[in-house]
Amino acid sequence: MAAVQHPKLRKALNFLLKKECVIAIYLVLAIAASFKQYQNHSYNNYLIFKHVYWHTVELQNLFNNYPEYGDSNHYGPVFSIFIAPFALLPDGLGMFLWNIANVAMLLWGIYSLPISHNKRTIIAWICAHETLTALFSFQFNIALTGLILLSFSYLVKQKEIQSAFFIAIGTLIKLYGIVGLAFFFFTKNKFKFIVAGLVAFSILFVLPMLLSSPDFVIQSYADWYHSLVHKNSTNASLTSFQDISIMGMTRRITGNIEISNTPFLLGGLILFGLPYLRVNQFKHLAFRLMLLASTLIFTVIFSSGSESPTYVIAFAGVAIWFTLQQNPKNKWAIALFIFTFVLTSLSPTDIFPRSVKEFIRLYSLKALPCIMVWLTIIYQMLKEDFESYLIADK
């Protein structure tokens, strides 16, 4: 990091780079968002999450619509175990602690990354506003981002058992977690990782049976599959708050709701997979981190279920990509990062006039900068030699 000469600026910068400062800010964001939503009685997502536990205990279908809340649950049966400590508390206290637990998981993930302390802290600062957006919706995506980061970090550190459990938890709660398997080729102990994964999935599969019964849990996984298939079929819309993806952007700009996801997904998977051909780059940590950034962004921009709070996942990828850029950062990287921060992260805020915000939402333009960053990552991974990348600060 470039040295700051002015004493007061250097002192302020050093303060902002302290881990304790970041933790304090994230706690304030979690508490402030929870308080605002509790005061406004705007916490439907939390009610959905809470009732996953109660419906499991009462052996009721986890994916029906219930009068206690609008919409329906789309998380797997194992979520009942993780939401239980919060569901047993009064709503006010439960939702506060839920948001705090989510940011704690995210920060654990960020600070587990095998890079310098300053870079980890900068990533946390970059992600803060997108985290706040997700906190207002009590989104599990915050913790899921942390789980994906942890699955990467522990695999790189050759701790395959821990990595496998983080992947299993993320996958069996919300399928996005399965993207942690993208890092499979970075472990030397592949057999150990596979066995640990099978054990982790087996344990977590049966765990909800402690609250219900084997028959109920098995049926719930079948119901979950049908729920996700139905949800995917209804995500494509020209006006919904979902489908903020490359497919959604295309559908909405053309006005053609019949455009299929399939060609986009096939093309995206091919591009995503091309860097794996550069096996000689696997040994470089910067290359692995760039793949992590690619994975986080890919997960969101190629999902028709993506909505504004989902972008906390993608923005972690943007932050990792930007901090990896070599100093002095080129003008394209700086301009693209600023464009991404303004259009992707700030577009839902009152900085933008209501008419502009609505225009951005209707055409899924929040996805556009992240698509551009992802394509830049793929280009860099295919072209650059990552041996020269500096991971630690000078």
Protein backbone atom coordinates (compact mmCIF):
# COMPACT_ATOMS: atom_id res chain seq x y z
CA MET A 1 0.00 0.00 0.00
CA ALA A 2 1.34 3.42 -0.95
CA ALA A 3 2.69 5.38 1.97
CA VAL A 4 0.63 8.35 3.21
CA GLN A 5 2.89 11.22 4.22
CA HIS A 6 0.52 13.53 6.11
CA PRO A 7 0.62 12.49 9.80
CA LYS A 8 -3.10 13.00 10.46
CA LEU A 9 -4.15 11.18 7.30
CA ARG A 10 -1.74 8.35 8.07
CA LYS A 11 -3.15 8.08 11.58
CA ALA A 12 -6.73 8.03 10.29
CA LEU A 13 -5.85 5.43 7.67
CA ASN A 14 -4.13 3.22 10.22
CA PHE A 15 -7.23 3.44 12.42
CA LEU A 16 -9.55 2.46 9.54
CA LEU A 17 -7.31 -0.49 8.72
CA LYS A 18 -7.61 -1.92 12.22
CA LYS A 19 -9.62 -5.12 12.38
CA GLU A 20 -11.37 -3.86 15.52
CA CYS A 21 -12.61 -0.80 13.62
CA VAL A 22 -14.07 -2.96 10.85
CA ILE A 23 -15.78 -5.27 13.37
CA ALA A 24 -17.28 -2.28 15.17
CA ILE A 25 -18.61 -0.79 11.93
CA TYR A 26 -20.18 -4.07 10.84
CA LEU A 27 -21.82 -4.48 14.25
CA VAL A 28 -23.25 -0.97 13.97
CA LEU A 29 -24.59 -1.77 10.49
CA ALA A 30 -26.19 -5.01 11.70
CA ILE A 31 -27.80 -3.37 14.74
CA ALA A 32 -28.94 -0.25 12.86
CA ALA A 33 -30.51 -2.26 10.02
CA SER A 34 -32.25 -4.60 12.46
CA PHE A 35 -33.59 -1.72 14.56
CA LYS A 36 -34.93 0.15 11.53
CA GLN A 37 -36.69 -2.91 10.11
CA TYR A 38 -38.06 -3.95 13.51
CA GLN A 39 -39.46 -0.46 14.09
CA ASN A 40 -41.09 -0.51 10.66
CA HIS A 41 -42.38 -4.09 11.10
CA SER A 42 -40.49 -4.97 7.93
CA TYR A 43 -38.90 -8.33 8.61
CA ASN A 44 -40.84 -10.84 6.54
CA ASN A 45 -37.69 -12.75 5.54
CA TYR A 46 -36.80 -13.30 9.17
CA LEU A 47 -40.30 -14.66 9.85
CA ILE A 48 -39.86 -17.11 6.96
CA PHE A 49 -36.51 -18.24 8.37
CA LYS A 50 -37.83 -18.51 11.91
CA HIS A 51 -40.73 -20.70 10.84
CA VAL A 52 -38.44 -23.17 9.07
CA TYR A 53 -37.54 -24.30 12.57
CA TRP A 54 -41.10 -24.33 13.89
CA HIS A 55 -42.52 -26.07 10.84
CA THR A 56 -39.80 -28.71 11.08
CA VAL A 57 -40.64 -29.37 14.71
CA GLU A 58 -44.36 -29.48 13.89
CA LEU A 59 -43.76 -31.72 10.82
CA GLN A 60 -45.38 -29.19 8.48
CA ASN A 61 -44.37 -28.71 4.84
CA LEU A 62 -41.44 -26.28 4.80
CA PHE A 63 -42.26 -24.80 1.42
CA ASN A 64 -45.95 -23.95 1.58
CA ASN A 65 -47.27 -20.43 1.89
CA TYR A 66 -48.41 -19.70 5.43
CA PRO A 67 -50.49 -16.83 6.88
CA GLU A 68 -47.65 -15.89 9.28
CA TYR A 69 -45.69 -14.37 6.39
CA GLY A 70 -45.77 -13.58 2.68
CA ASP A 71 -43.86 -15.56 0.05
CA SER A 72 -42.45 -19.01 0.84
CA ASN A 73 -39.28 -20.64 2.13
CA HIS A 74 -36.62 -21.80 -0.33
CA TYR A 75 -33.95 -23.05 2.09
CA GLY A 76 -33.17 -26.69 2.76
CA PRO A 77 -34.22 -28.69 5.85
CA VAL A 78 -30.80 -28.36 7.52
CA PHE A 79 -31.49 -24.63 7.84
CA SER A 80 -33.87 -25.54 10.69
CA ILE A 81 -30.85 -26.45 12.84
CA PHE A 82 -28.98 -23.22 12.20
CA ILE A 83 -31.97 -20.90 12.66
CA ALA A 84 -33.14 -22.71 15.82
CA PRO A 85 -31.21 -20.59 18.40
CA PHE A 86 -32.74 -17.44 16.92
CA ALA A 87 -36.24 -18.82 16.36
CA LEU A 88 -36.51 -19.71 20.06
CA LEU A 89 -36.00 -16.06 21.03
CA PRO A 90 -38.47 -13.17 20.87
CA ASP A 91 -38.51 -11.71 17.35
CA GLY A 92 -36.81 -8.47 18.30
CA LEU A 93 -33.82 -10.12 19.95
CA GLY A 94 -33.71 -12.99 17.48
CA MET A 95 -33.47 -10.79 14.40
CA PHE A 96 -30.78 -8.58 15.96
CA LEU A 97 -28.65 -11.60 16.78
CA TRP A 98 -29.38 -13.16 13.39
CA ASN A 99 -27.94 -10.17 11.53
CA ILE A 100 -24.96 -10.05 13.89
CA ALA A 101 -24.29 -13.76 13.31
CA ASN A 102 -24.41 -13.21 9.55
CA VAL A 103 -21.84 -10.39 9.57
CA ALA A 104 -19.66 -12.41 11.96
CA MET A 105 -19.60 -15.26 9.44
CA LEU A 106 -18.79 -12.87 6.60
CA LEU A 107 -15.93 -11.25 8.51
CA TRP A 108 -14.61 -14.65 9.53
CA GLY A 109 -14.53 -15.55 5.86
CA ILE A 110 -12.83 -12.32 4.79
CA TYR A 111 -10.18 -12.47 7.51
CA SER A 112 -9.48 -16.13 6.76
CA LEU A 113 -8.20 -15.25 3.28
CA PRO A 114 -4.48 -15.99 2.80
CA ILE A 115 -3.55 -12.39 1.97
CA SER A 116 -2.19 -9.44 3.91
CA HIS A 117 -4.17 -7.91 6.77
CA ASN A 118 -4.54 -4.61 4.94
CA LYS A 119 -5.97 -6.26 1.84
CA ARG A 120 -8.46 -8.22 3.92
CA THR A 121 -9.56 -5.04 5.65
CA ILE A 122 -9.95 -3.19 2.36
CA ILE A 123 -12.12 -6.05 1.07
CA ALA A 124 -14.28 -5.71 4.19
CA TRP A 125 -14.67 -1.97 3.65
CA ILE A 126 -15.57 -2.43 -0.02
CA CYS A 127 -18.23 -5.00 0.91
CA ALA A 128 -19.74 -2.93 3.74
CA HIS A 129 -22.42 -1.10 1.78
CA GLU A 130 -23.60 -4.17 -0.12
CA THR A 131 -23.69 -5.99 3.24
CA LEU A 132 -25.96 -3.24 4.60
CA THR A 133 -28.33 -3.74 1.67
CA ALA A 134 -28.56 -7.45 2.52
CA LEU A 135 -28.92 -6.73 6.25
CA PHE A 136 -32.11 -4.77 5.63
CA SER A 137 -33.58 -7.98 4.22
CA PHE A 138 -32.06 -10.22 6.94
CA GLN A 139 -30.41 -12.14 4.10
CA PHE A 140 -28.51 -15.38 4.69
CA ASN A 141 -26.46 -14.44 1.61
CA ILE A 142 -24.14 -12.52 3.94
CA ALA A 143 -23.22 -15.67 5.86
CA LEU A 144 -23.20 -17.70 2.64
CA THR A 145 -20.51 -15.39 1.26
CA GLY A 146 -18.48 -16.10 4.39
CA LEU A 147 -18.98 -19.85 3.95
CA ILE A 148 -17.71 -19.75 0.35
CA LEU A 149 -14.67 -17.72 1.44
CA LEU A 150 -13.99 -20.16 4.28
CA SER A 151 -14.30 -23.18 1.98
CA PHE A 152 -11.63 -21.62 -0.23
CA SER A 153 -9.31 -20.52 2.58
CA TYR A 154 -9.33 -23.84 4.41
CA LEU A 155 -8.81 -25.80 1.20
CA VAL A 156 -5.81 -23.64 0.26
CA LYS A 157 -4.46 -24.20 3.78
CA GLN A 158 -4.81 -27.98 3.22
CA LYS A 159 -7.56 -28.28 5.83
CA GLU A 160 -9.84 -30.38 3.69
CA ILE A 161 -12.22 -31.53 6.43
CA GLN A 162 -13.16 -28.00 7.49
CA SER A 163 -13.48 -26.88 3.87
CA ALA A 164 -15.78 -29.81 3.05
CA PHE A 165 -18.08 -28.97 5.96
CA PHE A 166 -18.35 -25.32 4.90
CA ILE A 167 -19.27 -26.42 1.37
CA ALA A 168 -21.82 -28.92 2.69
CA ILE A 169 -23.43 -26.36 5.01
CA GLY A 170 -23.74 -23.77 2.24
CA THR A 171 -25.08 -26.30 -0.26
CA LEU A 172 -27.69 -27.91 1.98
CA ILE A 173 -28.99 -24.54 3.14
CA LYS A 174 -28.90 -22.73 -0.20
CA LEU A 175 -27.57 -24.46 -3.30
CA TYR A 176 -25.18 -21.60 -4.11
CA GLY A 177 -22.76 -23.09 -1.58
CA ILE A 178 -21.88 -25.90 -3.98
CA VAL A 179 -19.66 -23.49 -5.94
CA GLY A 180 -17.01 -24.20 -3.30
CA LEU A 181 -16.26 -27.34 -5.34
CA ALA A 182 -14.68 -25.03 -7.93
CA PHE A 183 -11.56 -25.06 -5.74
CA PHE A 184 -11.25 -28.86 -5.79
CA PHE A 185 -8.11 -28.85 -7.96
CA PHE A 186 -6.24 -26.70 -5.45
CA THR A 187 -5.95 -29.46 -2.87
CA LYS A 188 -3.23 -32.08 -2.86
CA ASN A 189 -5.32 -34.42 -0.71
CA LYS A 190 -8.21 -34.96 -3.12
CA PHE A 191 -9.22 -38.34 -1.68
CA LYS A 192 -9.34 -36.91 1.84
CA PHE A 193 -11.43 -33.99 0.58
CA ILE A 194 -13.89 -36.31 -1.19
CA VAL A 195 -14.29 -38.53 1.87
CA ALA A 196 -14.68 -35.50 4.15
CA GLY A 197 -17.32 -34.14 1.78
CA LEU A 198 -19.31 -37.38 1.80
CA VAL A 199 -19.18 -37.49 5.60
CA ALA A 200 -20.15 -33.82 5.91
CA PHE A 201 -23.14 -34.16 3.57
CA SER A 202 -24.26 -37.35 5.32
CA ILE A 203 -24.13 -35.79 8.80
CA LEU A 204 -25.90 -32.62 7.73
CA PHE A 205 -28.50 -34.57 5.76
CA VAL A 206 -29.66 -36.46 8.85
CA LEU A 207 -29.16 -33.67 11.39
CA PRO A 208 -32.68 -32.16 10.99
CA MET A 209 -34.10 -35.57 11.89
CA LEU A 210 -33.24 -34.71 15.51
CA LEU A 211 -36.00 -32.09 15.33
CA SER A 212 -38.49 -34.10 13.27
CA SER A 213 -38.29 -37.59 11.72
CA PRO A 214 -36.44 -39.40 8.93
CA ASP A 215 -39.55 -39.60 6.75
CA PHE A 216 -40.24 -35.89 7.15
CA VAL A 217 -36.68 -34.86 6.26
CA ILE A 218 -36.51 -37.13 3.21
CA GLN A 219 -39.87 -35.78 2.02
CA SER A 220 -38.66 -32.23 2.70
CA TYR A 221 -35.68 -32.65 0.40
CA ALA A 222 -38.04 -33.80 -2.35
CA ASP A 223 -40.32 -30.84 -1.63
CA TRP A 224 -37.30 -28.53 -1.70
CA TYR A 225 -36.39 -29.73 -5.19
CA HIS A 226 -39.91 -29.08 -6.50
CA SER A 227 -39.94 -25.69 -4.77
CA LEU A 228 -36.71 -24.63 -6.48
CA VAL A 229 -37.88 -25.87 -9.89
CA HIS A 230 -41.10 -23.88 -9.52
CA LYS A 231 -39.22 -20.80 -8.31
CA ASN A 232 -36.81 -20.95 -11.24
CA SER A 233 -39.73 -21.14 -13.69
CA THR A 234 -41.29 -18.00 -12.21
CA ASN A 235 -38.11 -15.92 -11.82
CA ALA A 236 -38.06 -14.81 -15.46
CA SER A 237 -40.15 -11.65 -15.48
CA LEU A 238 -39.88 -8.22 -17.06
CA THR A 239 -40.88 -6.44 -13.86
CA SER A 240 -39.89 -8.56 -10.83
CA PHE A 241 -37.21 -7.70 -8.27
CA GLN A 242 -35.38 -10.91 -9.20
CA ASP A 243 -33.56 -12.10 -12.33
CA ILE A 244 -30.84 -9.45 -11.89
CA SER A 245 -28.52 -11.51 -14.06
CA ILE A 246 -27.02 -11.58 -17.52
CA MET A 247 -30.08 -13.53 -18.69
CA GLY A 248 -32.48 -11.16 -16.96
CA MET A 249 -30.75 -8.12 -18.41
CA THR A 250 -31.02 -9.60 -21.90
CA ARG A 251 -34.68 -10.56 -21.44
CA ARG A 252 -35.63 -7.14 -20.17
CA ILE A 253 -33.68 -5.08 -22.70
CA THR A 254 -35.15 -7.10 -25.59
CA GLY A 255 -38.57 -7.39 -23.96
CA ASN A 256 -38.53 -11.12 -24.74
CA ILE A 257 -39.38 -13.19 -21.67
CA GLU A 258 -39.05 -16.42 -23.67
CA ILE A 259 -35.24 -16.19 -23.94
CA SER A 260 -33.84 -19.34 -22.36
CA ASN A 261 -31.21 -19.51 -19.62
CA THR A 262 -29.51 -22.49 -21.26
CA PRO A 263 -27.26 -20.80 -23.88
CA PHE A 264 -26.10 -18.26 -21.31
CA LEU A 265 -25.30 -20.95 -18.76
CA LEU A 266 -23.43 -23.07 -21.29
CA GLY A 267 -21.44 -20.10 -22.54
CA GLY A 268 -20.75 -18.96 -18.98
CA LEU A 269 -19.56 -22.40 -17.90
CA ILE A 270 -17.21 -22.63 -20.88
CA LEU A 271 -15.68 -19.23 -20.10
CA PHE A 272 -15.52 -20.06 -16.39
CA GLY A 273 -13.74 -23.32 -17.13
CA LEU A 274 -11.15 -22.04 -19.60
CA PRO A 275 -8.69 -20.79 -16.92
CA TYR A 276 -8.47 -24.34 -15.56
CA LEU A 277 -6.44 -25.16 -18.68
CA ARG A 278 -3.59 -23.07 -17.27
CA VAL A 279 -2.47 -25.77 -14.87
CA ASN A 280 0.97 -24.18 -14.56
CA GLN A 281 -0.66 -21.18 -12.84
CA PHE A 282 -2.38 -23.26 -10.13
CA LYS A 283 0.63 -22.92 -7.84
CA HIS A 284 0.29 -19.13 -7.68
CA LEU A 285 -1.92 -17.90 -4.87
CA ALA A 286 -3.00 -14.84 -6.87
CA PHE A 287 -4.39 -17.13 -9.60
CA ARG A 288 -6.34 -19.10 -7.01
CA LEU A 289 -7.72 -15.91 -5.48
CA MET A 290 -8.72 -14.68 -8.92
CA LEU A 291 -10.65 -17.92 -9.41
CA LEU A 292 -12.35 -17.28 -6.07
CA ALA A 293 -13.37 -13.82 -7.31
CA SER A 294 -14.63 -15.32 -10.56
CA THR A 295 -16.64 -17.96 -8.67
CA LEU A 296 -18.33 -15.44 -6.39
CA ILE A 297 -19.40 -13.23 -9.28
CA PHE A 298 -20.37 -16.12 -11.58
CA THR A 299 -22.69 -17.52 -8.90
CA VAL A 300 -24.79 -14.36 -8.98
CA ILE A 301 -24.72 -13.07 -12.56
CA PHE A 302 -25.74 -16.46 -13.96
CA SER A 303 -28.62 -17.03 -11.52
CA SER A 304 -32.16 -16.04 -12.46
CA GLY A 305 -32.92 -15.98 -8.73
CA SER A 306 -30.50 -13.13 -8.07
CA GLU A 307 -31.99 -10.03 -6.49
CA SER A 308 -30.39 -6.88 -5.13
CA PRO A 309 -29.42 -8.33 -1.69
CA THR A 310 -27.82 -11.33 -3.43
CA TYR A 311 -25.08 -9.05 -4.75
CA VAL A 312 -23.21 -9.14 -1.46
CA ILE A 313 -21.82 -12.42 -2.83
CA ALA A 314 -20.75 -10.94 -6.15
CA PHE A 315 -19.36 -7.80 -4.56
CA ALA A 316 -17.00 -9.83 -2.41
CA GLY A 317 -15.65 -11.13 -5.72
CA VAL A 318 -15.31 -7.60 -7.07
CA ALA A 319 -13.44 -6.54 -3.92
CA ILE A 320 -11.02 -9.47 -4.13
CA TRP A 321 -10.38 -8.78 -7.83
CA PHE A 322 -9.68 -5.10 -7.23
CA THR A 323 -7.33 -5.63 -4.29
CA LEU A 324 -5.38 -8.17 -6.36
CA GLN A 325 -4.62 -5.62 -9.09
CA GLN A 326 -0.96 -4.70 -9.08
CA ASN A 327 0.13 -1.22 -8.02
CA PRO A 328 -0.03 1.25 -9.57
CA LYS A 329 -3.47 0.06 -10.66
CA ASN A 330 -4.21 0.70 -14.32
CA LYS A 331 -6.87 3.21 -15.34
CA TRP A 332 -9.23 0.51 -16.64
CA ALA A 333 -9.29 -1.35 -13.30
CA ILE A 334 -9.89 1.88 -11.35
CA ALA A 335 -12.60 3.11 -13.71
CA LEU A 336 -14.34 -0.27 -13.77
CA PHE A 337 -14.26 -0.53 -9.99
CA ILE A 338 -15.75 2.96 -9.56
CA PHE A 339 -18.42 2.19 -12.17
CA THR A 340 -19.23 -1.07 -10.36
CA PHE A 341 -19.43 0.54 -6.94
CA VAL A 342 -21.71 3.32 -8.19
CA LEU A 343 -24.07 1.31 -10.38
CA THR A 344 -24.13 -2.02 -8.56
CA SER A 345 -23.79 -1.01 -4.93
CA LEU A 346 -25.22 2.52 -4.77
CA SER A 347 -28.05 2.25 -7.32
CA PRO A 348 -30.68 1.08 -4.77
CA THR A 349 -29.97 4.10 -2.53
CA ASP A 350 -31.48 7.59 -2.46
CA ILE A 351 -28.35 8.93 -4.15
CA PHE A 352 -30.17 8.02 -7.35
CA PRO A 353 -33.53 9.65 -8.21
CA ARG A 354 -36.48 7.28 -7.95
CA SER A 355 -37.02 7.26 -11.73
CA VAL A 356 -33.36 6.30 -12.34
CA LYS A 357 -33.50 3.56 -9.68
CA GLU A 358 -36.62 2.15 -11.29
CA PHE A 359 -34.99 2.23 -14.74
CA ILE A 360 -31.94 0.35 -13.41
CA ARG A 361 -34.16 -2.23 -11.72
CA LEU A 362 -36.47 -2.77 -14.69
CA TYR A 363 -33.52 -3.55 -16.97
CA SER A 364 -31.46 -5.49 -14.39
CA LEU A 365 -28.59 -3.02 -14.94
CA LYS A 366 -27.22 -3.69 -11.45
CA ALA A 367 -25.72 -6.81 -13.04
CA LEU A 368 -23.91 -4.99 -15.87
CA PRO A 369 -20.75 -3.84 -14.02
CA CYS A 370 -20.30 -7.23 -12.36
CA ILE A 371 -20.55 -8.90 -15.77
CA MET A 372 -17.82 -6.57 -17.02
CA VAL A 373 -15.62 -7.32 -14.00
CA TRP A 374 -16.15 -11.06 -14.46
CA LEU A 375 -15.15 -10.90 -18.14
CA THR A 376 -12.07 -8.89 -17.14
CA ILE A 377 -11.16 -11.58 -14.59
CA ILE A 378 -11.49 -14.32 -17.20
CA TYR A 379 -9.29 -12.34 -19.60
CA GLN A 380 -6.64 -11.76 -16.94
CA MET A 381 -6.68 -15.40 -15.85
CA LEU A 382 -6.13 -16.49 -19.45
CA LYS A 383 -3.44 -13.97 -20.31
CA GLU A 384 -1.37 -12.96 -17.29
CA ASP A 385 1.46 -14.63 -15.41
CA PHE A 386 0.43 -14.57 -11.76
CA GLU A 387 3.93 -15.25 -10.45
CA SER A 388 4.53 -11.50 -10.50
CA TYR A 389 1.44 -10.64 -8.44
CA LEU A 390 2.13 -9.29 -4.96
CA ILE A 391 -0.22 -10.66 -2.31
CA ALA A 392 1.37 -9.00 0.73
CA ASP A 393 1.72 -5.27 1.26
CA LYS A 394 5.17 -3.79 0.99
